[in-house]
């Protein structure tokens, strides 16, 4: 769970309802411009088959899959955005605690 959501639920009692508004720092963080990067299509096999708006999976240095969004593509390069899709956004939740186990 995101930090702000956990903090809101921590003090709740069963049957209680709360409205919360979370700033990006309490949720998925700010949009990080350093997580946006451009790669030459010639340097990445298969990149010629992606299109802007598509989500693809790249690998981190440990070989784990990482979802990234194709932010832009031209004839020579593809720009990826590795930020979480909710990064930089304020979030609102209506939370009702119905049970604690």
PDB file of N, CA and C in Angstrom:
ATOM      1  N   UNK A   1       0.832  -1.183   0.000  1.00  0.00           N
ATOM      2  CA  UNK A   1       0.000   0.000   0.000  1.00  0.00           C
ATOM      3  C   UNK A   1       0.877   1.248   0.000  1.00  0.00           C
ATOM      4  N   UNK A   2       0.312   2.318  -0.447  1.00  0.00           N
ATOM      5  CA  UNK A   2       1.048   3.581  -0.434  1.00  0.00           C
ATOM      6  C   UNK A   2       1.039   4.166   0.985  1.00  0.00           C
ATOM      7  N   UNK A   3       2.083   4.907   1.279  1.00  0.00           N
ATOM      8  CA  UNK A   3       2.322   5.406   2.632  1.00  0.00           C
ATOM      9  C   UNK A   3       1.134   6.182   3.202  1.00  0.00           C
ATOM     10  N   UNK A   4       0.585   7.111   2.476  1.00  0.00           N
ATOM     11  CA  UNK A   4      -0.515   7.930   2.962  1.00  0.00           C
ATOM     12  C   UNK A   4      -1.778   7.137   3.230  1.00  0.00           C
ATOM     13  N   UNK A   5      -2.030   6.121   2.418  1.00  0.00           N
ATOM     14  CA  UNK A   5      -3.198   5.265   2.613  1.00  0.00           C
ATOM     15  C   UNK A   5      -3.024   4.470   3.902  1.00  0.00           C
ATOM     16  N   UNK A   6      -1.841   3.876   4.084  1.00  0.00           N
ATOM     17  CA  UNK A   6      -1.546   3.121   5.305  1.00  0.00           C
ATOM     18  C   UNK A   6      -1.702   3.992   6.541  1.00  0.00           C
ATOM     19  N   UNK A   7      -1.206   5.215   6.484  1.00  0.00           N
ATOM     20  CA  UNK A   7      -1.291   6.126   7.627  1.00  0.00           C
ATOM     21  C   UNK A   7      -2.743   6.454   7.956  1.00  0.00           C
ATOM     22  N   UNK A   8      -3.582   6.616   6.955  1.00  0.00           N
ATOM     23  CA  UNK A   8      -4.994   6.934   7.174  1.00  0.00           C
ATOM     24  C   UNK A   8      -5.738   5.774   7.820  1.00  0.00           C
ATOM     25  N   UNK A   9      -5.424   4.558   7.402  1.00  0.00           N
ATOM     26  CA  UNK A   9      -6.121   3.374   7.907  1.00  0.00           C
ATOM     27  C   UNK A   9      -5.649   3.002   9.314  1.00  0.00           C
ATOM     28  N   UNK A  10      -4.418   3.314   9.641  1.00  0.00           N
ATOM     29  CA  UNK A  10      -3.819   2.877  10.906  1.00  0.00           C
ATOM     30  C   UNK A  10      -4.635   3.288  12.128  1.00  0.00           C
ATOM     31  N   UNK A  11      -5.234   4.452  12.127  1.00  0.00           N
ATOM     32  CA  UNK A  11      -5.980   4.915  13.295  1.00  0.00           C
ATOM     33  C   UNK A  11      -7.472   4.666  13.234  1.00  0.00           C
ATOM     34  N   UNK A  12      -7.934   3.980  12.202  1.00  0.00           N
ATOM     35  CA  UNK A  12      -9.373   3.783  12.027  1.00  0.00           C
ATOM     36  C   UNK A  12      -9.909   2.636  12.867  1.00  0.00           C
ATOM     37  N   UNK A  13     -11.213   2.706  13.164  1.00  0.00           N
ATOM     38  CA  UNK A  13     -11.920   1.637  13.856  1.00  0.00           C
ATOM     39  C   UNK A  13     -12.922   1.019  12.879  1.00  0.00           C
ATOM     40  N   UNK A  14     -13.254  -0.242  13.094  1.00  0.00           N
ATOM     41  CA  UNK A  14     -14.223  -0.933  12.241  1.00  0.00           C
ATOM     42  C   UNK A  14     -15.515  -0.125  12.185  1.00  0.00           C
ATOM     43  N   UNK A  15     -16.027   0.063  10.965  1.00  0.00           N
ATOM     44  CA  UNK A  15     -17.250   0.815  10.737  1.00  0.00           C
ATOM     45  C   UNK A  15     -17.007   2.288  10.437  1.00  0.00           C
ATOM     46  N   UNK A  16     -15.793   2.757  10.658  1.00  0.00           N
ATOM     47  CA  UNK A  16     -15.465   4.160  10.408  1.00  0.00           C
ATOM     48  C   UNK A  16     -15.209   4.391   8.922  1.00  0.00           C
ATOM     49  N   UNK A  17     -15.602   5.579   8.447  1.00  0.00           N
ATOM     50  CA  UNK A  17     -15.361   5.997   7.069  1.00  0.00           C
ATOM     51  C   UNK A  17     -14.585   7.299   7.102  1.00  0.00           C
ATOM     52  N   UNK A  18     -13.619   7.432   6.214  1.00  0.00           N
ATOM     53  CA  UNK A  18     -12.811   8.646   6.164  1.00  0.00           C
ATOM     54  C   UNK A  18     -12.517   9.018   4.711  1.00  0.00           C
ATOM     55  N   UNK A  19     -12.539  10.310   4.433  1.00  0.00           N
ATOM     56  CA  UNK A  19     -12.106  10.840   3.137  1.00  0.00           C
ATOM     57  C   UNK A  19     -10.677  11.316   3.300  1.00  0.00           C
ATOM     58  N   UNK A  20      -9.787  10.924   2.401  1.00  0.00           N
ATOM     59  CA  UNK A  20      -8.414  11.423   2.475  1.00  0.00           C
ATOM     60  C   UNK A  20      -7.981  11.984   1.123  1.00  0.00           C
ATOM     61  N   UNK A  21      -7.131  12.966   1.207  1.00  0.00           N
ATOM     62  CA  UNK A  21      -6.522  13.577   0.019  1.00  0.00           C
ATOM     63  C   UNK A  21      -5.021  13.436   0.197  1.00  0.00           C
ATOM     64  N   UNK A  22      -4.371  12.762  -0.740  1.00  0.00           N
ATOM     65  CA  UNK A  22      -2.925  12.526  -0.641  1.00  0.00           C
ATOM     66  C   UNK A  22      -2.176  13.338  -1.683  1.00  0.00           C
ATOM     67  N   UNK A  23      -1.117  13.973  -1.236  1.00  0.00           N
ATOM     68  CA  UNK A  23      -0.203  14.663  -2.135  1.00  0.00           C
ATOM     69  C   UNK A  23       0.716  13.611  -2.761  1.00  0.00           C
ATOM     70  N   UNK A  24       1.358  13.912  -3.885  1.00  0.00           N
ATOM     71  CA  UNK A  24       2.239  12.928  -4.521  1.00  0.00           C
ATOM     72  C   UNK A  24       3.287  12.330  -3.571  1.00  0.00           C
ATOM     73  N   UNK A  25       3.817  13.135  -2.667  1.00  0.00           N
ATOM     74  CA  UNK A  25       4.843  12.635  -1.741  1.00  0.00           C
ATOM     75  C   UNK A  25       4.304  11.581  -0.780  1.00  0.00           C
ATOM     76  N   UNK A  26       2.983  11.536  -0.583  1.00  0.00           N
ATOM     77  CA  UNK A  26       2.359  10.552   0.291  1.00  0.00           C
ATOM     78  C   UNK A  26       1.862   9.340  -0.492  1.00  0.00           C
ATOM     79  N   UNK A  27       1.968   9.401  -1.811  1.00  0.00           N
ATOM     80  CA  UNK A  27       1.411   8.356  -2.672  1.00  0.00           C
ATOM     81  C   UNK A  27       2.531   7.717  -3.496  1.00  0.00           C
ATOM     82  N   UNK A  28       2.570   8.013  -4.783  1.00  0.00           N
ATOM     83  CA  UNK A  28       3.536   7.381  -5.683  1.00  0.00           C
ATOM     84  C   UNK A  28       4.732   8.261  -6.000  1.00  0.00           C
ATOM     85  N   UNK A  29       4.876   9.369  -5.297  1.00  0.00           N
ATOM     86  CA  UNK A  29       6.017  10.251  -5.486  1.00  0.00           C
ATOM     87  C   UNK A  29       5.810  11.237  -6.618  1.00  0.00           C
ATOM     88  N   UNK A  30       6.743  12.161  -6.700  1.00  0.00           N
ATOM     89  CA  UNK A  30       6.718  13.148  -7.776  1.00  0.00           C
ATOM     90  C   UNK A  30       7.163  12.497  -9.083  1.00  0.00           C
ATOM     91  N   UNK A  31       6.761  13.069 -10.189  1.00  0.00           N
ATOM     92  CA  UNK A  31       7.232  12.606 -11.495  1.00  0.00           C
ATOM     93  C   UNK A  31       8.719  12.929 -11.586  1.00  0.00           C
ATOM     94  N   UNK A  32       9.543  11.929 -11.865  1.00  0.00           N
ATOM     95  CA  UNK A  32      10.992  12.093 -11.914  1.00  0.00           C
ATOM     96  C   UNK A  32      11.454  12.200 -13.363  1.00  0.00           C
ATOM     97  N   UNK A  33      11.914  13.387 -13.781  1.00  0.00           N
ATOM     98  CA  UNK A  33      12.369  13.542 -15.169  1.00  0.00           C
ATOM     99  C   UNK A  33      13.539  12.622 -15.520  1.00  0.00           C
ATOM    100  N   UNK A  34      14.303  12.187 -14.517  1.00  0.00           N
ATOM    101  CA  UNK A  34      15.433  11.288 -14.791  1.00  0.00           C
ATOM    102  C   UNK A  34      14.980   9.869 -15.114  1.00  0.00           C
ATOM    103  N   UNK A  35      13.702   9.570 -14.875  1.00  0.00           N
ATOM    104  CA  UNK A  35      13.167   8.254 -15.217  1.00  0.00           C
ATOM    105  C   UNK A  35      12.620   8.218 -16.635  1.00  0.00           C
ATOM    106  N   UNK A  36      12.799   9.299 -17.371  1.00  0.00           N
ATOM    107  CA  UNK A  36      12.414   9.363 -18.782  1.00  0.00           C
ATOM    108  C   UNK A  36      13.696   9.320 -19.599  1.00  0.00           C
ATOM    109  N   UNK A  37      13.792   8.363 -20.507  1.00  0.00           N
ATOM    110  CA  UNK A  37      15.039   8.196 -21.264  1.00  0.00           C
ATOM    111  C   UNK A  37      14.752   7.786 -22.707  1.00  0.00           C
ATOM    112  N   UNK A  38      15.692   8.133 -23.565  1.00  0.00           N
ATOM    113  CA  UNK A  38      15.550   7.864 -24.994  1.00  0.00           C
ATOM    114  C   UNK A  38      16.620   6.878 -25.429  1.00  0.00           C
ATOM    115  N   UNK A  39      16.215   5.922 -26.265  1.00  0.00           N
ATOM    116  CA  UNK A  39      17.111   4.880 -26.762  1.00  0.00           C
ATOM    117  C   UNK A  39      17.004   4.836 -28.286  1.00  0.00           C
ATOM    118  N   UNK A  40      18.133   4.644 -28.943  1.00  0.00           N
ATOM    119  CA  UNK A  40      18.121   4.465 -30.394  1.00  0.00           C
ATOM    120  C   UNK A  40      17.471   3.117 -30.708  1.00  0.00           C
ATOM    121  N   UNK A  41      16.563   3.114 -31.671  1.00  0.00           N
ATOM    122  CA  UNK A  41      15.892   1.870 -32.062  1.00  0.00           C
ATOM    123  C   UNK A  41      16.912   0.819 -32.477  1.00  0.00           C
ATOM    124  N   UNK A  42      17.965   1.225 -33.130  1.00  0.00           N
ATOM    125  CA  UNK A  42      18.997   0.286 -33.572  1.00  0.00           C
ATOM    126  C   UNK A  42      19.703  -0.395 -32.401  1.00  0.00           C
ATOM    127  N   UNK A  43      19.673   0.215 -31.220  1.00  0.00           N
ATOM    128  CA  UNK A  43      20.338  -0.333 -30.032  1.00  0.00           C
ATOM    129  C   UNK A  43      19.456  -1.300 -29.240  1.00  0.00           C
ATOM    130  N   UNK A  44      18.167  -1.392 -29.611  1.00  0.00           N
ATOM    131  CA  UNK A  44      17.233  -2.190 -28.834  1.00  0.00           C
ATOM    132  C   UNK A  44      16.385  -3.058 -29.754  1.00  0.00           C
ATOM    133  N   UNK A  45      16.759  -4.320 -29.928  1.00  0.00           N
ATOM    134  CA  UNK A  45      15.981  -5.208 -30.788  1.00  0.00           C
ATOM    135  C   UNK A  45      14.518  -5.268 -30.353  1.00  0.00           C
ATOM    136  N   UNK A  46      13.618  -5.139 -31.294  1.00  0.00           N
ATOM    137  CA  UNK A  46      12.186  -5.182 -31.031  1.00  0.00           C
ATOM    138  C   UNK A  46      11.565  -3.807 -30.837  1.00  0.00           C
ATOM    139  N   UNK A  47      12.402  -2.787 -30.629  1.00  0.00           N
ATOM    140  CA  UNK A  47      11.880  -1.436 -30.393  1.00  0.00           C
ATOM    141  C   UNK A  47      11.131  -0.892 -31.606  1.00  0.00           C
ATOM    142  N   UNK A  48      11.427  -1.409 -32.778  1.00  0.00           N
ATOM    143  CA  UNK A  48      10.727  -0.942 -33.974  1.00  0.00           C
ATOM    144  C   UNK A  48       9.248  -1.316 -33.953  1.00  0.00           C
ATOM    145  N   UNK A  49       8.882  -2.278 -33.097  1.00  0.00           N
ATOM    146  CA  UNK A  49       7.501  -2.760 -33.047  1.00  0.00           C
ATOM    147  C   UNK A  49       6.640  -2.097 -31.972  1.00  0.00           C
ATOM    148  N   UNK A  50       7.194  -1.181 -31.187  1.00  0.00           N
ATOM    149  CA  UNK A  50       6.406  -0.529 -30.138  1.00  0.00           C
ATOM    150  C   UNK A  50       5.788   0.761 -30.669  1.00  0.00           C
ATOM    151  N   UNK A  51       4.769   1.244 -29.965  1.00  0.00           N
ATOM    152  CA  UNK A  51       4.149   2.504 -30.367  1.00  0.00           C
ATOM    153  C   UNK A  51       3.882   3.370 -29.142  1.00  0.00           C
ATOM    154  N   UNK A  52       3.811   4.665 -29.358  1.00  0.00           N
ATOM    155  CA  UNK A  52       3.581   5.617 -28.275  1.00  0.00           C
ATOM    156  C   UNK A  52       2.294   5.271 -27.536  1.00  0.00           C
ATOM    157  N   UNK A  53       2.356   5.350 -26.208  1.00  0.00           N
ATOM    158  CA  UNK A  53       1.212   5.035 -25.365  1.00  0.00           C
ATOM    159  C   UNK A  53       1.208   3.603 -24.861  1.00  0.00           C
ATOM    160  N   UNK A  54       1.970   2.751 -25.474  1.00  0.00           N
ATOM    161  CA  UNK A  54       2.024   1.339 -25.113  1.00  0.00           C
ATOM    162  C   UNK A  54       2.854   1.155 -23.845  1.00  0.00           C
ATOM    163  N   UNK A  55       2.493   0.178 -23.021  1.00  0.00           N
ATOM    164  CA  UNK A  55       3.317  -0.210 -21.879  1.00  0.00           C
ATOM    165  C   UNK A  55       4.083  -1.461 -22.270  1.00  0.00           C
ATOM    166  N   UNK A  56       5.392  -1.425 -22.053  1.00  0.00           N
ATOM    167  CA  UNK A  56       6.257  -2.566 -22.342  1.00  0.00           C
ATOM    168  C   UNK A  56       7.070  -2.881 -21.095  1.00  0.00           C
ATOM    169  N   UNK A  57       7.740  -4.007 -21.097  1.00  0.00           N
ATOM    170  CA  UNK A  57       8.550  -4.404 -19.951  1.00  0.00           C
ATOM    171  C   UNK A  57      10.013  -4.456 -20.362  1.00  0.00           C
ATOM    172  N   UNK A  58      10.833  -3.722 -19.622  1.00  0.00           N
ATOM    173  CA  UNK A  58      12.282  -3.786 -19.777  1.00  0.00           C
ATOM    174  C   UNK A  58      12.818  -4.519 -18.557  1.00  0.00           C
ATOM    175  N   UNK A  59      14.119  -4.781 -18.529  1.00  0.00           N
ATOM    176  CA  UNK A  59      14.712  -5.457 -17.384  1.00  0.00           C
ATOM    177  C   UNK A  59      15.617  -4.503 -16.631  1.00  0.00           C
ATOM    178  N   UNK A  60      15.559  -4.585 -15.290  1.00  0.00           N
ATOM    179  CA  UNK A  60      16.499  -3.797 -14.498  1.00  0.00           C
ATOM    180  C   UNK A  60      17.824  -4.553 -14.410  1.00  0.00           C
ATOM    181  N   UNK A  61      18.774  -4.024 -13.663  1.00  0.00           N
ATOM    182  CA  UNK A  61      20.113  -4.625 -13.618  1.00  0.00           C
ATOM    183  C   UNK A  61      20.121  -5.995 -12.945  1.00  0.00           C
ATOM    184  N   UNK A  62      19.017  -6.367 -12.290  1.00  0.00           N
ATOM    185  CA  UNK A  62      18.909  -7.682 -11.659  1.00  0.00           C
ATOM    186  C   UNK A  62      18.113  -8.667 -12.513  1.00  0.00           C
ATOM    187  N   UNK A  63      17.739  -8.252 -13.721  1.00  0.00           N
ATOM    188  CA  UNK A  63      16.987  -9.104 -14.627  1.00  0.00           C
ATOM    189  C   UNK A  63      15.498  -9.135 -14.355  1.00  0.00           C
ATOM    190  N   UNK A  64      15.026  -8.272 -13.445  1.00  0.00           N
ATOM    191  CA  UNK A  64      13.606  -8.230 -13.119  1.00  0.00           C
ATOM    192  C   UNK A  64      12.858  -7.360 -14.125  1.00  0.00           C
ATOM    193  N   UNK A  65      11.621  -7.747 -14.485  1.00  0.00           N
ATOM    194  CA  UNK A  65      10.846  -6.936 -15.429  1.00  0.00           C
ATOM    195  C   UNK A  65      10.385  -5.622 -14.789  1.00  0.00           C
ATOM    196  N   UNK A  66      10.468  -4.555 -15.554  1.00  0.00           N
ATOM    197  CA  UNK A  66      10.050  -3.228 -15.101  1.00  0.00           C
ATOM    198  C   UNK A  66       9.105  -2.655 -16.158  1.00  0.00           C
ATOM    199  N   UNK A  67       7.854  -2.324 -15.766  1.00  0.00           N
ATOM    200  CA  UNK A  67       6.938  -1.741 -16.752  1.00  0.00           C
ATOM    201  C   UNK A  67       7.325  -0.291 -17.050  1.00  0.00           C
ATOM    202  N   UNK A  68       7.371   0.058 -18.315  1.00  0.00           N
ATOM    203  CA  UNK A  68       7.651   1.433 -18.742  1.00  0.00           C
ATOM    204  C   UNK A  68       6.665   1.794 -19.842  1.00  0.00           C
ATOM    205  N   UNK A  69       6.337   3.066 -19.921  1.00  0.00           N
ATOM    206  CA  UNK A  69       5.419   3.527 -20.955  1.00  0.00           C
ATOM    207  C   UNK A  69       6.226   4.095 -22.114  1.00  0.00           C
ATOM    208  N   UNK A  70       5.808   3.794 -23.328  1.00  0.00           N
ATOM    209  CA  UNK A  70       6.435   4.382 -24.505  1.00  0.00           C
ATOM    210  C   UNK A  70       5.868   5.800 -24.620  1.00  0.00           C
ATOM    211  N   UNK A  71       6.707   6.781 -24.289  1.00  0.00           N
ATOM    212  CA  UNK A  71       6.259   8.174 -24.274  1.00  0.00           C
ATOM    213  C   UNK A  71       6.239   8.772 -25.680  1.00  0.00           C
ATOM    214  N   UNK A  72       7.195   8.369 -26.496  1.00  0.00           N
ATOM    215  CA  UNK A  72       7.292   8.900 -27.864  1.00  0.00           C
ATOM    216  C   UNK A  72       8.140   7.965 -28.705  1.00  0.00           C
ATOM    217  N   UNK A  73       7.929   8.050 -30.011  1.00  0.00           N
ATOM    218  CA  UNK A  73       8.729   7.245 -30.936  1.00  0.00           C
ATOM    219  C   UNK A  73       8.819   7.984 -32.252  1.00  0.00           C
ATOM    220  N   UNK A  74      10.025   8.000 -32.818  1.00  0.00           N
ATOM    221  CA  UNK A  74      10.181   8.519 -34.174  1.00  0.00           C
ATOM    222  C   UNK A  74      10.923   7.457 -34.979  1.00  0.00           C
ATOM    223  N   UNK A  75      11.420   7.798 -36.127  1.00  0.00           N
ATOM    224  CA  UNK A  75      12.052   6.795 -36.983  1.00  0.00           C
ATOM    225  C   UNK A  75      13.362   6.253 -36.419  1.00  0.00           C
ATOM    226  N   UNK A  76      14.006   6.997 -35.540  1.00  0.00           N
ATOM    227  CA  UNK A  76      15.316   6.581 -35.025  1.00  0.00           C
ATOM    228  C   UNK A  76      15.357   6.274 -33.533  1.00  0.00           C
ATOM    229  N   UNK A  77      14.429   6.837 -32.749  1.00  0.00           N
ATOM    230  CA  UNK A  77      14.500   6.681 -31.293  1.00  0.00           C
ATOM    231  C   UNK A  77      13.145   6.345 -30.677  1.00  0.00           C
ATOM    232  N   UNK A  78      13.225   5.790 -29.460  1.00  0.00           N
ATOM    233  CA  UNK A  78      12.044   5.537 -28.629  1.00  0.00           C
ATOM    234  C   UNK A  78      12.322   6.178 -27.274  1.00  0.00           C
ATOM    235  N   UNK A  79      11.357   6.927 -26.764  1.00  0.00           N
ATOM    236  CA  UNK A  79      11.480   7.525 -25.442  1.00  0.00           C
ATOM    237  C   UNK A  79      10.566   6.774 -24.483  1.00  0.00           C
ATOM    238  N   UNK A  80      11.157   6.314 -23.385  1.00  0.00           N
ATOM    239  CA  UNK A  80      10.434   5.554 -22.364  1.00  0.00           C
ATOM    240  C   UNK A  80      10.272   6.386 -21.102  1.00  0.00           C
ATOM    241  N   UNK A  81       9.178   6.171 -20.395  1.00  0.00           N
ATOM    242  CA  UNK A  81       8.929   6.810 -19.110  1.00  0.00           C
ATOM    243  C   UNK A  81       8.740   5.707 -18.072  1.00  0.00           C
ATOM    244  N   UNK A  82       9.699   5.602 -17.138  1.00  0.00           N
ATOM    245  CA  UNK A  82       9.667   4.550 -16.125  1.00  0.00           C
ATOM    246  C   UNK A  82       8.971   4.988 -14.835  1.00  0.00           C
ATOM    247  N   UNK A  83       8.401   6.179 -14.814  1.00  0.00           N
ATOM    248  CA  UNK A  83       7.656   6.615 -13.641  1.00  0.00           C
ATOM    249  C   UNK A  83       6.380   5.793 -13.493  1.00  0.00           C
ATOM    250  N   UNK A  84       5.923   5.620 -12.261  1.00  0.00           N
ATOM    251  CA  UNK A  84       4.629   4.982 -12.031  1.00  0.00           C
ATOM    252  C   UNK A  84       3.563   5.862 -12.684  1.00  0.00           C
ATOM    253  N   UNK A  85       2.536   5.274 -13.236  1.00  0.00           N
ATOM    254  CA  UNK A  85       1.517   6.052 -13.947  1.00  0.00           C
ATOM    255  C   UNK A  85       0.802   7.054 -13.046  1.00  0.00           C
ATOM    256  N   UNK A  86       0.845   6.868 -11.738  1.00  0.00           N
ATOM    257  CA  UNK A  86       0.208   7.794 -10.804  1.00  0.00           C
ATOM    258  C   UNK A  86       1.208   8.772 -10.171  1.00  0.00           C
ATOM    259  N   UNK A  87       2.467   8.701 -10.573  1.00  0.00           N
ATOM    260  CA  UNK A  87       3.484   9.617 -10.033  1.00  0.00           C
ATOM    261  C   UNK A  87       3.112  11.054 -10.379  1.00  0.00           C
ATOM    262  N   UNK A  88       3.303  11.935  -9.400  1.00  0.00           N
ATOM    263  CA  UNK A  88       3.033  13.349  -9.612  1.00  0.00           C
ATOM    264  C   UNK A  88       1.575  13.737  -9.466  1.00  0.00           C
ATOM    265  N   UNK A  89       0.720  12.785  -9.119  1.00  0.00           N
ATOM    266  CA  UNK A  89      -0.709  13.066  -9.026  1.00  0.00           C
ATOM    267  C   UNK A  89      -1.177  13.092  -7.575  1.00  0.00           C
ATOM    268  N   UNK A  90      -2.120  13.988  -7.307  1.00  0.00           N
ATOM    269  CA  UNK A  90      -2.798  14.004  -6.023  1.00  0.00           C
ATOM    270  C   UNK A  90      -3.933  12.978  -6.102  1.00  0.00           C
ATOM    271  N   UNK A  91      -4.140  12.240  -5.011  1.00  0.00           N
ATOM    272  CA  UNK A  91      -5.135  11.172  -5.008  1.00  0.00           C
ATOM    273  C   UNK A  91      -6.166  11.392  -3.916  1.00  0.00           C
ATOM    274  N   UNK A  92      -7.402  11.008  -4.186  1.00  0.00           N
ATOM    275  CA  UNK A  92      -8.489  11.078  -3.217  1.00  0.00           C
ATOM    276  C   UNK A  92      -9.042   9.676  -2.999  1.00  0.00           C
ATOM    277  N   UNK A  93      -9.302   9.353  -1.728  1.00  0.00           N
ATOM    278  CA  UNK A  93      -9.876   8.062  -1.377  1.00  0.00           C
ATOM    279  C   UNK A  93     -11.005   8.262  -0.381  1.00  0.00           C
ATOM    280  N   UNK A  94     -12.049   7.477  -0.519  1.00  0.00           N
ATOM    281  CA  UNK A  94     -13.082   7.333   0.491  1.00  0.00           C
ATOM    282  C   UNK A  94     -12.882   5.924   1.032  1.00  0.00           C
ATOM    283  N   UNK A  95     -12.466   5.834   2.275  1.00  0.00           N
ATOM    284  CA  UNK A  95     -12.115   4.540   2.873  1.00  0.00           C
ATOM    285  C   UNK A  95     -13.125   4.180   3.944  1.00  0.00           C
ATOM    286  N   UNK A  96     -13.664   2.973   3.858  1.00  0.00           N
ATOM    287  CA  UNK A  96     -14.516   2.447   4.920  1.00  0.00           C
ATOM    288  C   UNK A  96     -13.850   1.184   5.445  1.00  0.00           C
ATOM    289  N   UNK A  97     -13.558   1.153   6.742  1.00  0.00           N
ATOM    290  CA  UNK A  97     -12.947  -0.030   7.349  1.00  0.00           C
ATOM    291  C   UNK A  97     -14.066  -0.979   7.754  1.00  0.00           C
ATOM    292  N   UNK A  98     -14.130  -2.123   7.085  1.00  0.00           N
ATOM    293  CA  UNK A  98     -15.226  -3.063   7.327  1.00  0.00           C
ATOM    294  C   UNK A  98     -14.825  -4.237   8.212  1.00  0.00           C
ATOM    295  N   UNK A  99     -13.532  -4.550   8.278  1.00  0.00           N
ATOM    296  CA  UNK A  99     -13.107  -5.689   9.074  1.00  0.00           C
ATOM    297  C   UNK A  99     -11.608  -5.610   9.316  1.00  0.00           C
ATOM    298  N   UNK A 100     -11.188  -6.109  10.467  1.00  0.00           N
ATOM    299  CA  UNK A 100      -9.766  -6.228  10.781  1.00  0.00           C
ATOM    300  C   UNK A 100      -9.496  -7.670  11.126  1.00  0.00           C
ATOM    301  N   UNK A 101      -8.512  -8.268  10.485  1.00  0.00           N
ATOM    302  CA  UNK A 101      -8.171  -9.672  10.755  1.00  0.00           C
ATOM    303  C   UNK A 101      -6.794  -9.755  11.356  1.00  0.00           C
TER     304      UNK A 101
END
